């Protein structure tokens, strides 16, 4: 099984670390990783969310995207022969604004070797809201807006379905759905939701993911979040993906060097013997 961390961030993430990429890559090499994807957040449309201070933390300004791409390419060349570095992005599904991200992909598709497609935003109080900022913000911006956790979860999966349909047509060879259960990041701090309905929605995604030819980011960052305590993909879902031949790729979602590769043991223990993360 290829030892690959397929979801990581860089100094161009303004809610992460300003550490240089060598610190991440050197750590990955020490841990025996063979492949390492750089999947930074690309720019967002101006005014995408109303909170200007938060907006500045979410993604790089558009004028920095070229600098990031150059930086990632430089790391790829520097570490050639030591570890395979893939130049990529974590592309947001932007409800009603997919053309913005399409334009960025069109501009850089000749350089993009990898992509994680994620849902971080839902319509809420006052406009688009982050689903993963804070539990208090979730309560105020989403729970109060939709009226129940069941309604928020249902709308989240509506957006995941739309993200899968959008991702299917992206001209990038490697692509997978990011942290499919991110809606559970604050599960221990928020009211419970109907787990039968939640599981039904997840199960319904399998045929869509398979048809779209995209993989799953087995994102272990939730293990590091006190209000979650588990990866952002259920174990039973991994088994169903394996049964259907859906690619499973480990993702630490590292936002600082010490998180590179974090959670690999959990992934390996559940996927050992599968070819799901090769290629």
Protein backbone atom coordinates (compact mmCIF):
# COMPACT_ATOMS: atom_id res chain seq x y z
CA UNK A 1 0.00 0.00 0.00
CA UNK A 2 1.42 3.33 -1.06
CA UNK A 3 2.10 5.57 1.93
CA UNK A 4 0.52 8.81 0.75
CA UNK A 5 -0.70 11.87 2.64
CA UNK A 6 -3.22 13.29 0.19
CA UNK A 7 -4.51 16.35 2.02
CA UNK A 8 -2.10 18.94 3.44
CA UNK A 9 -1.71 22.71 3.65
CA UNK A 10 1.12 25.20 3.41
CA UNK A 11 2.21 28.65 4.55
CA UNK A 12 -0.34 30.03 2.08
CA UNK A 13 -3.12 28.94 4.44
CA UNK A 14 -4.01 31.87 6.70
CA UNK A 15 -5.71 29.74 9.35
CA UNK A 16 -2.71 27.45 9.60
CA UNK A 17 1.04 27.78 10.12
CA UNK A 18 3.56 30.03 8.37
CA UNK A 19 6.15 27.25 8.53
CA UNK A 20 8.07 26.51 5.35
CA UNK A 21 7.08 23.41 3.40
CA UNK A 22 10.40 21.69 4.04
CA UNK A 23 9.29 21.13 7.65
CA UNK A 24 6.22 19.20 6.47
CA UNK A 25 8.09 17.22 3.84
CA UNK A 26 11.04 16.34 6.04
CA UNK A 27 8.61 15.04 8.67
CA UNK A 28 6.76 13.00 6.05
CA UNK A 29 10.05 11.46 4.84
CA UNK A 30 11.04 10.53 8.40
CA UNK A 31 7.67 8.77 8.75
CA UNK A 32 8.23 6.80 5.56
CA UNK A 33 5.73 8.56 3.31
CA UNK A 34 6.28 8.05 -0.40
CA UNK A 35 3.83 10.63 -1.76
CA UNK A 36 2.66 13.98 -0.37
CA UNK A 37 -0.06 16.16 -1.90
CA UNK A 38 -0.04 19.92 -1.41
CA UNK A 39 -3.73 20.86 -1.47
CA UNK A 40 -3.98 24.50 -0.48
CA UNK A 41 -7.21 26.50 -0.29
CA UNK A 42 -7.47 28.65 -3.43
CA UNK A 43 -8.99 32.13 -3.41
CA UNK A 44 -12.70 32.71 -2.77
CA UNK A 45 -14.99 35.24 -4.47
CA UNK A 46 -14.89 38.69 -2.89
CA UNK A 47 -17.55 38.97 -0.20
CA UNK A 48 -18.23 35.23 -0.17
CA UNK A 49 -18.94 35.52 3.55
CA UNK A 50 -19.93 38.69 5.38
CA UNK A 51 -17.35 38.47 8.21
CA UNK A 52 -14.37 40.26 6.64
CA UNK A 53 -11.85 39.18 9.28
CA UNK A 54 -12.83 35.54 8.89
CA UNK A 55 -12.85 35.85 5.11
CA UNK A 56 -9.19 36.91 5.17
CA UNK A 57 -8.30 33.75 7.14
CA UNK A 58 -10.16 31.29 4.93
CA UNK A 59 -8.11 31.44 1.74
CA UNK A 60 -5.27 33.24 0.04
CA UNK A 61 -6.01 36.43 -1.94
CA UNK A 62 -6.27 35.82 -5.67
CA UNK A 63 -2.98 37.53 -6.44
CA UNK A 64 -1.14 34.90 -4.34
CA UNK A 65 -2.34 31.86 -6.25
CA UNK A 66 0.46 32.15 -8.81
CA UNK A 67 2.99 32.43 -5.95
CA UNK A 68 1.59 29.29 -4.33
CA UNK A 69 1.71 27.33 -7.57
CA UNK A 70 5.32 28.37 -8.12
CA UNK A 71 6.18 27.47 -4.51
CA UNK A 72 4.56 24.04 -4.78
CA UNK A 73 6.36 23.34 -8.05
CA UNK A 74 9.65 24.36 -6.46
CA UNK A 75 9.07 21.92 -3.58
CA UNK A 76 8.23 19.17 -6.06
CA UNK A 77 11.54 19.72 -7.85
CA UNK A 78 13.56 20.10 -4.65
CA UNK A 79 12.34 16.80 -3.21
CA UNK A 80 12.48 14.77 -6.41
CA UNK A 81 13.95 11.37 -5.62
CA UNK A 82 13.16 11.73 -1.89
CA UNK A 83 9.36 11.87 -1.91
CA UNK A 84 6.82 12.38 -4.69
CA UNK A 85 5.20 15.80 -4.24
CA UNK A 86 1.90 16.44 -6.01
CA UNK A 87 0.86 20.00 -6.80
CA UNK A 88 -2.79 20.42 -5.95
CA UNK A 89 -5.61 22.46 -4.45
CA UNK A 90 -8.52 21.93 -2.08
CA UNK A 91 -11.31 23.21 -4.28
CA UNK A 92 -14.44 24.49 -2.60
CA UNK A 93 -17.86 23.71 -3.98
CA UNK A 94 -19.30 27.23 -4.18
CA UNK A 95 -23.08 27.04 -4.37
CA UNK A 96 -24.21 29.37 -7.13
CA UNK A 97 -20.64 30.43 -7.92
CA UNK A 98 -18.96 27.32 -9.36
CA UNK A 99 -17.90 29.43 -12.34
CA UNK A 100 -15.42 31.24 -10.07
CA UNK A 101 -13.61 28.00 -9.20
CA UNK A 102 -13.94 26.74 -12.79
CA UNK A 103 -12.01 29.80 -13.93
CA UNK A 104 -9.16 29.09 -11.50
CA UNK A 105 -9.01 25.46 -12.58
CA UNK A 106 -8.98 26.43 -16.26
CA UNK A 107 -6.09 28.79 -15.60
CA UNK A 108 -3.98 26.23 -13.74
CA UNK A 109 -5.11 22.84 -14.99
CA UNK A 110 -1.81 22.20 -16.77
CA UNK A 111 -0.05 22.39 -13.38
CA UNK A 112 -2.67 20.69 -11.18
CA UNK A 113 -1.85 17.07 -10.41
CA UNK A 114 -4.30 16.54 -7.56
CA UNK A 115 -7.48 18.02 -6.09
CA UNK A 116 -9.62 17.60 -3.00
CA UNK A 117 -13.20 18.82 -3.50
CA UNK A 118 -14.81 20.04 -0.28
CA UNK A 119 -18.00 21.52 1.11
CA UNK A 120 -17.15 24.12 3.75
CA UNK A 121 -20.07 26.55 3.27
CA UNK A 122 -23.85 26.53 3.47
CA UNK A 123 -26.37 29.34 3.04
CA UNK A 124 -27.28 30.60 6.50
CA UNK A 125 -28.02 33.67 8.56
CA UNK A 126 -26.77 36.74 6.68
CA UNK A 127 -25.44 34.79 3.68
CA UNK A 128 -22.92 31.97 3.31
CA UNK A 129 -21.62 30.48 6.54
CA UNK A 130 -18.70 28.19 7.40
CA UNK A 131 -19.75 24.83 8.73
CA UNK A 132 -16.41 24.30 10.49
CA UNK A 133 -15.46 27.63 12.10
CA UNK A 134 -16.70 27.33 15.71
CA UNK A 135 -19.57 25.57 17.45
CA UNK A 136 -20.99 28.95 18.53
CA UNK A 137 -20.88 30.26 14.97
CA UNK A 138 -22.59 27.07 13.77
CA UNK A 139 -25.39 27.58 16.30
CA UNK A 140 -25.90 31.22 15.39
CA UNK A 141 -25.41 31.04 11.65
CA UNK A 142 -26.79 27.62 10.72
CA UNK A 143 -28.75 25.94 13.49
CA UNK A 144 -30.81 29.07 14.18
CA UNK A 145 -31.34 29.58 10.45
CA UNK A 146 -32.49 26.03 9.63
CA UNK A 147 -34.27 25.34 12.91
CA UNK A 148 -32.85 21.87 13.61
CA UNK A 149 -29.70 19.83 13.23
CA UNK A 150 -31.57 17.40 10.99
CA UNK A 151 -32.35 20.22 8.56
CA UNK A 152 -28.72 21.44 8.56
CA UNK A 153 -27.40 17.92 7.96
CA UNK A 154 -29.89 17.38 5.15
CA UNK A 155 -28.87 20.61 3.43
CA UNK A 156 -25.20 19.75 3.85
CA UNK A 157 -25.68 16.49 1.98
CA UNK A 158 -27.61 18.31 -0.74
CA UNK A 159 -24.48 20.37 -1.27
CA UNK A 160 -22.23 17.30 -1.17
CA UNK A 161 -24.34 15.75 -3.94
CA UNK A 162 -23.95 18.93 -5.99
CA UNK A 163 -20.20 18.93 -5.31
CA UNK A 164 -19.87 15.38 -6.64
CA UNK A 165 -21.71 16.32 -9.85
CA UNK A 166 -19.45 19.37 -10.27
CA UNK A 167 -16.25 17.44 -9.51
CA UNK A 168 -17.04 14.81 -12.11
CA UNK A 169 -16.34 17.27 -14.90
CA UNK A 170 -13.22 18.94 -13.49
CA UNK A 171 -10.25 18.41 -15.85
CA UNK A 172 -7.92 17.06 -13.14
CA UNK A 173 -6.63 13.49 -13.22
CA UNK A 174 -6.64 12.84 -9.46
CA UNK A 175 -9.62 14.10 -7.49
CA UNK A 176 -11.53 13.04 -4.41
CA UNK A 177 -14.23 14.22 -2.06
CA UNK A 178 -12.85 15.96 1.02
CA UNK A 179 -13.82 15.12 4.63
CA UNK A 180 -17.25 13.78 3.69
CA UNK A 181 -18.54 13.96 7.28
CA UNK A 182 -17.21 17.42 8.17
CA UNK A 183 -20.75 18.33 9.28
CA UNK A 184 -19.95 16.30 12.42
CA UNK A 185 -16.99 18.44 13.51
CA UNK A 186 -18.93 19.89 16.46
CA UNK A 187 -21.11 16.84 17.15
CA UNK A 188 -20.23 16.75 20.87
CA UNK A 189 -21.08 20.44 21.32
CA UNK A 190 -24.32 20.61 19.32
CA UNK A 191 -27.74 18.94 19.56
CA UNK A 192 -27.87 15.39 18.21
CA UNK A 193 -29.26 14.60 14.77
CA UNK A 194 -31.10 11.59 13.36
CA UNK A 195 -28.32 9.07 12.71
CA UNK A 196 -30.58 6.82 10.64
CA UNK A 197 -31.28 9.65 8.21
CA UNK A 198 -27.59 10.67 8.25
CA UNK A 199 -26.51 7.14 7.35
CA UNK A 200 -29.12 6.94 4.60
CA UNK A 201 -27.81 10.13 3.02
CA UNK A 202 -24.21 8.88 3.18
CA UNK A 203 -25.15 5.54 1.66
CA UNK A 204 -26.96 7.30 -1.17
CA UNK A 205 -23.70 9.06 -2.10
CA UNK A 206 -21.86 5.84 -2.91
CA UNK A 207 -23.40 5.32 -6.35
CA UNK A 208 -22.87 8.99 -7.22
CA UNK A 209 -19.21 8.89 -6.17
CA UNK A 210 -18.64 5.68 -8.11
CA UNK A 211 -20.32 7.06 -11.24
CA UNK A 212 -18.32 10.30 -11.00
CA UNK A 213 -15.03 8.39 -10.84
CA UNK A 214 -13.76 10.30 -7.82
CA UNK A 215 -12.21 9.02 -4.61
CA UNK A 216 -12.62 9.66 -0.90
CA UNK A 217 -10.33 11.71 1.31
CA UNK A 218 -10.03 9.58 4.45
CA UNK A 219 -9.55 12.64 6.56
CA UNK A 220 -8.26 11.99 10.08
CA UNK A 221 -8.24 15.62 11.28
CA UNK A 222 -11.36 14.99 13.36
CA UNK A 223 -9.26 12.83 15.68
CA UNK A 224 -7.50 16.04 16.72
CA UNK A 225 -10.73 17.99 17.36
CA UNK A 226 -12.13 17.77 20.91
CA UNK A 227 -15.73 18.25 19.77
CA UNK A 228 -15.45 15.40 17.24
CA UNK A 229 -12.96 12.75 18.35
CA UNK A 230 -13.10 10.64 15.20
CA UNK A 231 -12.14 10.88 11.53
CA UNK A 232 -14.41 12.70 9.11
CA UNK A 233 -15.49 9.45 7.47
CA UNK A 234 -17.28 6.57 9.23
CA UNK A 235 -15.58 3.19 9.30
CA UNK A 236 -18.59 1.43 7.79
CA UNK A 237 -18.47 3.89 4.87
CA UNK A 238 -14.86 2.92 4.16
CA UNK A 239 -15.88 -0.71 3.89
CA UNK A 240 -18.69 0.16 1.50
CA UNK A 241 -16.25 2.16 -0.63
CA UNK A 242 -13.85 -0.78 -0.74
CA UNK A 243 -16.67 -3.08 -1.83
CA UNK A 244 -17.47 -0.73 -4.71
CA UNK A 245 -13.88 -0.06 -5.76
CA UNK A 246 -13.90 3.61 -4.76
CA UNK A 247 -10.39 4.94 -4.18
CA UNK A 248 -9.54 5.70 -0.56
CA UNK A 249 -6.69 8.13 0.10
CA UNK A 250 -5.41 9.02 3.57
CA UNK A 251 -5.46 12.72 4.41
CA UNK A 252 -3.97 14.26 7.56
CA UNK A 253 -5.34 17.70 6.61
CA UNK A 254 -2.16 19.05 8.18
CA UNK A 255 -2.22 22.79 8.82
CA UNK A 256 1.09 22.69 10.71
CA UNK A 257 4.20 20.53 10.28
CA UNK A 258 3.60 18.38 13.36
CA UNK A 259 0.30 17.20 11.87
CA UNK A 260 1.82 15.85 8.64
CA UNK A 261 0.97 12.16 8.55
CA UNK A 262 -1.09 12.34 11.75
CA UNK A 263 -3.67 9.58 11.86
CA UNK A 264 -1.90 7.25 9.43
CA UNK A 265 -1.95 4.42 11.97
CA UNK A 266 -5.76 4.67 12.20
CA UNK A 267 -6.02 4.56 8.41
CA UNK A 268 -3.55 1.72 7.98
CA UNK A 269 -5.27 -0.35 10.64
CA UNK A 270 -8.57 -0.20 8.76
CA UNK A 271 -7.35 -0.30 5.16
CA UNK A 272 -4.38 -2.68 5.45
CA UNK A 273 -4.41 -5.09 2.58
CA UNK A 274 -6.57 -2.84 0.37
CA UNK A 275 -5.28 -1.37 -2.88
CA UNK A 276 -7.65 1.55 -2.40
CA UNK A 277 -5.01 4.22 -1.90
CA UNK A 278 -2.62 3.12 -4.63
CA UNK A 279 -2.19 5.05 -7.86
